[in-house]
Structures are given as structure tokens and as C-alpha cells.
C-alpha atoms as a PDB file:
ATOM      1  CA  MET A   1      -0.002   0.003   0.021  1.00  0.00           C
ATOM      2  CA  ALA A   2       2.988   2.311   0.567  1.00  0.00           C
ATOM      3  CA  PHE A   3       3.908   1.790  -3.090  1.00  0.00           C
ATOM      4  CA  GLY A   4       0.375   2.772  -4.125  1.00  0.00           C
ATOM      5  CA  ALA A   5       0.369   5.953  -1.991  1.00  0.00           C
ATOM      6  CA  GLU A   6       3.836   6.969  -3.327  1.00  0.00           C
ATOM      7  CA  LEU A   7       2.913   6.360  -6.990  1.00  0.00           C
ATOM      8  CA  ALA A   8      -0.410   8.219  -6.598  1.00  0.00           C
ATOM      9  CA  GLU A   9       1.418  11.247  -5.202  1.00  0.00           C
ATOM     10  CA  ARG A  10       4.241  11.050  -7.750  1.00  0.00           C
ATOM     11  CA  ARG A  11       1.867  10.785 -10.731  1.00  0.00           C
ATOM     12  CA  GLY A  12      -0.920  13.010  -9.415  1.00  0.00           C
ATOM     13  CA  LEU A  13      -3.435  10.137  -9.290  1.00  0.00           C
ATOM     14  CA  ASP A  14      -6.337   9.614  -6.890  1.00  0.00           C
ATOM     15  CA  SER A  15      -4.794   7.639  -4.025  1.00  0.00           C
ATOM     16  CA  SER A  16      -8.022   5.871  -3.061  1.00  0.00           C
ATOM     17  CA  TRP A  17      -8.423   4.700  -6.717  1.00  0.00           C
ATOM     18  CA  VAL A  18      -4.882   3.296  -6.790  1.00  0.00           C
ATOM     19  CA  GLN A  19      -5.185   1.688  -3.341  1.00  0.00           C
ATOM     20  CA  ALA A  20      -8.544   0.104  -4.128  1.00  0.00           C
ATOM     21  CA  ALA A  21      -7.162  -1.491  -7.292  1.00  0.00           C
ATOM     22  CA  LEU A  22      -3.977  -2.701  -5.577  1.00  0.00           C
ATOM     23  CA  GLN A  23      -6.058  -4.284  -2.802  1.00  0.00           C
ATOM     24  CA  ARG A  24      -7.787  -6.407  -5.490  1.00  0.00           C
ATOM     25  CA  ALA A  25      -4.551  -7.452  -7.244  1.00  0.00           C
ATOM     26  CA  ARG A  26      -3.662 -11.115  -6.648  1.00  0.00           C
ATOM     27  CA  PHE A  27      -0.519 -13.158  -6.573  1.00  0.00           C
ATOM     28  CA  VAL A  28      -0.563 -15.587  -9.541  1.00  0.00           C
ATOM     29  CA  PRO A  29       1.773 -18.587  -9.054  1.00  0.00           C
ATOM     30  CA  SER A  30       1.860 -19.408 -12.798  1.00  0.00           C
ATOM     31  CA  VAL A  31       3.194 -15.895 -13.546  1.00  0.00           C
ATOM     32  CA  ALA A  32       6.148 -16.483 -11.221  1.00  0.00           C
ATOM     33  CA  ARG A  33       6.708 -19.841 -12.895  1.00  0.00           C
ATOM     34  CA  PHE A  34       6.441 -18.616 -16.464  1.00  0.00           C
ATOM     35  CA  ILE A  35       8.904 -15.749 -15.971  1.00  0.00           C
ATOM     36  CA  MET A  36      11.673 -18.196 -15.113  1.00  0.00           C
ATOM     37  CA  PRO A  37      14.258 -19.057 -17.783  1.00  0.00           C
ATOM     38  CA  PRO A  38      14.390 -22.571 -19.236  1.00  0.00           C
ATOM     39  CA  PRO A  39      16.585 -25.048 -17.302  1.00  0.00           C
ATOM     40  CA  ALA A  40      20.303 -24.609 -17.814  1.00  0.00           C
ATOM     41  CA  GLY A  41      21.633 -26.536 -20.786  1.00  0.00           C
ATOM     42  CA  THR A  42      18.390 -26.351 -22.747  1.00  0.00           C
ATOM     43  CA  ALA A  43      19.467 -26.145 -26.366  1.00  0.00           C
ATOM     44  CA  LYS A  44      18.029 -23.468 -28.562  1.00  0.00           C
ATOM     45  CA  ASN A  45      17.050 -24.689 -31.973  1.00  0.00           C
ATOM     46  CA  TRP A  46      16.736 -21.992 -34.606  1.00  0.00           C
ATOM     47  CA  ALA A  47      14.988 -24.279 -37.104  1.00  0.00           C
ATOM     48  CA  ALA A  48      12.336 -25.206 -34.549  1.00  0.00           C
ATOM     49  CA  TYR A  49      11.882 -21.576 -33.490  1.00  0.00           C
ATOM     50  CA  ARG A  50      11.627 -20.391 -37.112  1.00  0.00           C
ATOM     51  CA  GLY A  51       9.216 -23.182 -37.925  1.00  0.00           C
ATOM     52  CA  ARG A  52       6.758 -21.886 -35.322  1.00  0.00           C
ATOM     53  CA  PHE A  53       6.551 -18.516 -37.092  1.00  0.00           C
ATOM     54  CA  VAL A  54       7.143 -19.177 -40.787  1.00  0.00           C
ATOM     55  CA  GLU A  55       4.379 -21.657 -41.469  1.00  0.00           C
ATOM     56  CA  PRO A  56       1.267 -21.614 -43.702  1.00  0.00           C
ATOM     57  CA  THR A  57      -1.323 -20.586 -41.091  1.00  0.00           C
ATOM     58  CA  ARG A  58       0.658 -17.627 -39.842  1.00  0.00           C
ATOM     59  CA  ILE A  59       1.591 -16.564 -43.341  1.00  0.00           C
ATOM     60  CA  SER A  60      -2.093 -16.691 -44.418  1.00  0.00           C
ATOM     61  CA  LYS A  61      -3.223 -14.761 -41.374  1.00  0.00           C
ATOM     62  CA  GLY A  62      -0.432 -12.223 -41.942  1.00  0.00           C
ATOM     63  CA  ALA A  63      -1.487 -11.616 -45.554  1.00  0.00           C
ATOM     64  CA  ALA A  64      -5.120 -11.217 -44.434  1.00  0.00           C
ATOM     65  CA  PHE A  65      -4.106  -8.822 -41.631  1.00  0.00           C
ATOM     66  CA  TRP A  66      -2.046  -6.780 -44.078  1.00  0.00           C
ATOM     67  CA  ARG A  67      -4.920  -6.557 -46.614  1.00  0.00           C
ATOM     68  CA  ALA A  68      -7.485  -5.689 -43.922  1.00  0.00           C
ATOM     69  CA  ASN A  69      -5.287  -2.966 -42.390  1.00  0.00           C
ATOM     70  CA  GLU A  70      -3.500  -1.630 -45.430  1.00  0.00           C
ATOM     71  CA  LYS A  71      -4.868   1.895 -44.836  1.00  0.00           C
ATOM     72  CA  TRP A  72      -3.413   2.037 -41.258  1.00  0.00           C
ATOM     73  CA  LEU A  73      -0.164   0.378 -42.247  1.00  0.00           C
ATOM     74  CA  LYS A  74       0.400   2.925 -45.028  1.00  0.00           C
ATOM     75  CA  LEU A  75      -0.459   5.788 -42.743  1.00  0.00           C
ATOM     76  CA  ALA A  76       1.899   4.506 -40.055  1.00  0.00           C
ATOM     77  CA  GLU A  77       4.702   4.215 -42.616  1.00  0.00           C
ATOM     78  CA  GLU A  78       4.076   7.751 -43.852  1.00  0.00           C
ATOM     79  CA  LEU A  79       4.053   9.166 -40.333  1.00  0.00           C
ATOM     80  CA  TYR A  80       6.738   7.121 -38.658  1.00  0.00           C
ATOM     81  CA  GLY A  81       8.797   5.528 -41.443  1.00  0.00           C
ATOM     82  CA  VAL A  82       8.132   1.978 -40.291  1.00  0.00           C
ATOM     83  CA  PRO A  83       7.546  -0.357 -43.219  1.00  0.00           C
ATOM     84  CA  PRO A  84       4.321  -2.388 -43.088  1.00  0.00           C
ATOM     85  CA  GLU A  85       6.187  -5.683 -43.142  1.00  0.00           C
ATOM     86  CA  ILE A  86       7.858  -4.829 -39.834  1.00  0.00           C
ATOM     87  CA  VAL A  87       4.540  -4.027 -38.115  1.00  0.00           C
ATOM     88  CA  VAL A  88       2.885  -7.122 -39.651  1.00  0.00           C
ATOM     89  CA  GLY A  89       5.826  -9.307 -38.577  1.00  0.00           C
ATOM     90  CA  ILE A  90       5.775  -8.024 -35.006  1.00  0.00           C
ATOM     91  CA  VAL A  91       2.028  -8.467 -34.595  1.00  0.00           C
ATOM     92  CA  GLY A  92       2.333 -11.962 -36.145  1.00  0.00           C
ATOM     93  CA  VAL A  93       5.148 -13.097 -33.830  1.00  0.00           C
ATOM     94  CA  GLU A  94       3.712 -11.526 -30.742  1.00  0.00           C
ATOM     95  CA  THR A  95       0.012 -12.498 -30.979  1.00  0.00           C
ATOM     96  CA  ILE A  96      -0.744 -14.302 -34.278  1.00  0.00           C
ATOM     97  CA  TYR A  97      -2.564 -11.150 -35.426  1.00  0.00           C
ATOM     98  CA  GLY A  98      -4.516 -10.641 -32.219  1.00  0.00           C
ATOM     99  CA  GLN A  99      -5.409 -14.296 -31.801  1.00  0.00           C
ATOM    100  CA  GLN A 100      -3.323 -14.830 -28.591  1.00  0.00           C
ATOM    101  CA  MET A 101      -2.975 -11.668 -26.526  1.00  0.00           C
ATOM    102  CA  GLY A 102      -3.019 -13.258 -23.082  1.00  0.00           C
ATOM    103  CA  ASN A 103      -5.707 -13.722 -20.481  1.00  0.00           C
ATOM    104  CA  PHE A 104      -3.909 -12.634 -17.343  1.00  0.00           C
ATOM    105  CA  ARG A 105      -5.158  -9.559 -15.580  1.00  0.00           C
ATOM    106  CA  VAL A 106      -2.213  -7.210 -16.173  1.00  0.00           C
ATOM    107  CA  ILE A 107      -2.407  -5.795 -12.648  1.00  0.00           C
ATOM    108  CA  ASP A 108      -2.040  -9.328 -11.219  1.00  0.00           C
ATOM    109  CA  ALA A 109       0.899 -10.229 -13.450  1.00  0.00           C
ATOM    110  CA  LEU A 110       2.711  -6.999 -12.722  1.00  0.00           C
ATOM    111  CA  ALA A 111       1.978  -7.041  -8.969  1.00  0.00           C
ATOM    112  CA  THR A 112       3.183 -10.644  -8.748  1.00  0.00           C
ATOM    113  CA  LEU A 113       6.453  -9.770 -10.504  1.00  0.00           C
ATOM    114  CA  ALA A 114       6.860  -6.430  -8.698  1.00  0.00           C
ATOM    115  CA  PHE A 115       6.395  -7.694  -5.157  1.00  0.00           C
ATOM    116  CA  ASP A 116       7.092 -11.434  -5.326  1.00  0.00           C
ATOM    117  CA  PHE A 117       9.653 -11.814  -8.045  1.00  0.00           C
ATOM    118  CA  PRO A 118      10.860 -15.467  -7.924  1.00  0.00           C
ATOM    119  CA  THR A 119      14.358 -16.345  -6.833  1.00  0.00           C
ATOM    120  CA  GLY A 120      16.586 -18.174  -9.206  1.00  0.00           C
ATOM    121  CA  ARG A 121      17.208 -15.440 -11.746  1.00  0.00           C
ATOM    122  CA  LYS A 122      18.243 -11.815 -11.757  1.00  0.00           C
ATOM    123  CA  ASP A 123      15.785  -9.771  -9.706  1.00  0.00           C
ATOM    124  CA  ARG A 124      13.700  -7.603 -12.055  1.00  0.00           C
ATOM    125  CA  SER A 125      11.144  -6.508  -9.467  1.00  0.00           C
ATOM    126  CA  ALA A 126      12.099  -2.803  -9.874  1.00  0.00           C
ATOM    127  CA  PHE A 127      11.315  -3.047 -13.586  1.00  0.00           C
ATOM    128  CA  PHE A 128       7.920  -4.554 -12.894  1.00  0.00           C
ATOM    129  CA  ARG A 129       7.118  -1.965 -10.156  1.00  0.00           C
ATOM    130  CA  ASP A 130       7.801   0.701 -12.799  1.00  0.00           C
ATOM    131  CA  GLU A 131       5.515  -1.109 -15.250  1.00  0.00           C
ATOM    132  CA  LEU A 132       2.792  -1.356 -12.558  1.00  0.00           C
ATOM    133  CA  GLU A 133       3.051   2.364 -12.045  1.00  0.00           C
ATOM    134  CA  ASN A 134       2.816   2.876 -15.757  1.00  0.00           C
ATOM    135  CA  LEU A 135      -0.319   0.693 -15.829  1.00  0.00           C
ATOM    136  CA  PHE A 136      -2.031   3.146 -13.485  1.00  0.00           C
ATOM    137  CA  VAL A 137      -0.943   6.079 -15.667  1.00  0.00           C
ATOM    138  CA  LEU A 138      -2.264   4.284 -18.751  1.00  0.00           C
ATOM    139  CA  CYS A 139      -5.594   3.446 -17.072  1.00  0.00           C
ATOM    140  CA  ASN A 140      -6.012   6.990 -15.829  1.00  0.00           C
ATOM    141  CA  SER A 141      -5.330   8.467 -19.302  1.00  0.00           C
ATOM    142  CA  GLU A 142      -7.599   5.988 -21.064  1.00  0.00           C
ATOM    143  CA  GLY A 143     -10.358   5.934 -18.476  1.00  0.00           C
ATOM    144  CA  LEU A 144      -9.912   2.233 -17.720  1.00  0.00           C
ATOM    145  CA  ASP A 145     -10.490   0.250 -14.564  1.00  0.00           C
ATOM    146  CA  PRO A 146      -6.986  -0.992 -13.613  1.00  0.00           C
ATOM    147  CA  LEU A 147      -8.487  -4.471 -13.062  1.00  0.00           C
ATOM    148  CA  GLN A 148      -9.735  -4.616 -16.653  1.00  0.00           C
ATOM    149  CA  PRO A 149      -6.678  -4.880 -18.956  1.00  0.00           C
ATOM    150  CA  LYS A 150      -5.675  -8.390 -19.910  1.00  0.00           C
ATOM    151  CA  GLY A 151      -2.337  -9.486 -21.288  1.00  0.00           C
ATOM    152  CA  SER A 152       0.591 -11.840 -21.040  1.00  0.00           C
ATOM    153  CA  PHE A 153       2.111 -13.380 -17.910  1.00  0.00           C
ATOM    154  CA  ALA A 154       4.685 -10.570 -18.023  1.00  0.00           C
ATOM    155  CA  GLY A 155       2.126  -7.745 -18.303  1.00  0.00           C
ATOM    156  CA  ALA A 156       2.400  -7.095 -22.040  1.00  0.00           C
ATOM    157  CA  MET A 157      -0.798  -6.017 -23.764  1.00  0.00           C
ATOM    158  CA  GLY A 158      -2.597  -5.969 -27.053  1.00  0.00           C
ATOM    159  CA  MET A 159      -1.655  -7.038 -30.560  1.00  0.00           C
ATOM    160  CA  PRO A 160       1.920  -5.670 -30.357  1.00  0.00           C
ATOM    161  CA  GLN A 161       2.339  -6.837 -26.739  1.00  0.00           C
ATOM    162  CA  PHE A 162       3.388  -3.428 -25.362  1.00  0.00           C
ATOM    163  CA  MET A 163       4.358  -3.128 -21.772  1.00  0.00           C
ATOM    164  CA  PRO A 164       2.547  -0.252 -20.017  1.00  0.00           C
ATOM    165  CA  SER A 165       5.608   2.047 -20.241  1.00  0.00           C
ATOM    166  CA  SER A 166       5.849   1.407 -23.985  1.00  0.00           C
ATOM    167  CA  PHE A 167       2.107   2.078 -24.308  1.00  0.00           C
ATOM    168  CA  ASN A 168       2.572   5.408 -22.524  1.00  0.00           C
ATOM    169  CA  LYS A 169       5.627   6.359 -24.629  1.00  0.00           C
ATOM    170  CA  TYR A 170       4.735   5.076 -28.100  1.00  0.00           C
ATOM    171  CA  ALA A 171       1.072   4.137 -28.581  1.00  0.00           C
ATOM    172  CA  VAL A 172      -0.894   6.570 -30.758  1.00  0.00           C
ATOM    173  CA  ASP A 173      -4.551   7.078 -31.569  1.00  0.00           C
ATOM    174  CA  LEU A 174      -4.064   6.525 -35.268  1.00  0.00           C
ATOM    175  CA  ASP A 175      -7.788   6.288 -36.065  1.00  0.00           C
ATOM    176  CA  GLY A 176      -8.555   9.518 -34.123  1.00  0.00           C
ATOM    177  CA  ASP A 177     -11.362   7.999 -32.003  1.00  0.00           C
ATOM    178  CA  GLY A 178      -9.925   9.497 -28.791  1.00  0.00           C
ATOM    179  CA  HIS A 179      -8.509   6.220 -27.445  1.00  0.00           C
ATOM    180  CA  VAL A 180      -5.532   3.965 -28.001  1.00  0.00           C
ATOM    181  CA  ASP A 181      -6.905   0.403 -28.078  1.00  0.00           C
ATOM    182  CA  LEU A 182      -4.082  -2.106 -28.633  1.00  0.00           C
ATOM    183  CA  ARG A 183      -6.414  -5.033 -28.072  1.00  0.00           C
ATOM    184  CA  ASN A 184      -9.333  -4.313 -30.395  1.00  0.00           C
ATOM    185  CA  SER A 185      -8.165  -1.733 -32.927  1.00  0.00           C
ATOM    186  CA  PRO A 186      -5.587  -2.499 -35.627  1.00  0.00           C
ATOM    187  CA  ALA A 187      -5.151   1.264 -35.978  1.00  0.00           C
ATOM    188  CA  MET A 188      -2.929   1.149 -32.898  1.00  0.00           C
END
């Protein structure tokens, strides 16, 4: 709760709103398990890794995503200089074009890793506390309940799997509807 009071003051947020959300955050044992690296000596196989991403289903979905979102991809390239194939590739690798964006409550994932980071690897709890703070900033700016956003076990959200700090730094309202919606709008 001290963390919540400090972040509310630092970011100019309603302390009772932050505290109420943090009180409802839960430790998720699977998050702590999933963040751990593979056992030592686990061989990395490039062919197997590549085969997961360069395969007929993902290629077909990628072509369909590109066609369906050509307008937004062209606009993004004009504004930011990022070629469409880069955006399409990232969204394909990260979420299979929005098919697998994660079902963890982001607040639970981030709180688990911020306050109960597992032993056995370099402690990254400070990084996750910063991301938890950024989640509150994001929810405040987008008018979201902090218990609502869903994402990966590490707290990444939406089609591109942005962490909350990346959302706050880089996400744009490309379609001009007044909100950045990484989960439902391809015009991220």
C-alpha cells in the first residue's frame, strides 16, 4: 500500500483509486513460474523456432491482416517511417494477429512480479514496479479500470504486446477516435 500511496502522489493520481485497485490485485503462481528461464543446458534450436513462425497458417493470417489494415499500415509508414512488413511481422510473432494476446489480468501479473519476483534469476522486481506504475498512468489516461486490462504473464498487452511504459511512450490514436486500443483496434 505504501507503493500505491507513493505512486499516486508522484503521478498526481487519486490515491483511493490506486489503493482500491492494488487491494484487489492477486498473486498468480503461474506468472512467477512462467517468468523463469528454461533449465540450464536447454539447447536453442533456430529451425524449430523459425518453424513456429514461418508456417502456412501464420503466413495466411499475416497476408489477411495486411490486406485488412492496409490503410493504417500505409499511414503509419508515412508518419513514422516503419515499413508495413515490420509491423505485420511483429504483430504476427507476438500474438498471431491478435489471436493470442494473453488472459492474465495485467495488474495481477505486474503485482506478482513487482512484489514477489521469484528467486533463481536476476531480480527484475524494480522493472515490474515501474511497469505497474505505468499501468495506473495508462488506465487513468484511457479511463480504464486498472483491473480490466488483460495481457501476457509478463504484463504485455494488445496485438503488439506493449508493456505499459511502451504504451505510454509510443502508442498513438491513429484512427482519431480518442483512445488507443491495442487489443481491439488494428489502428494502434
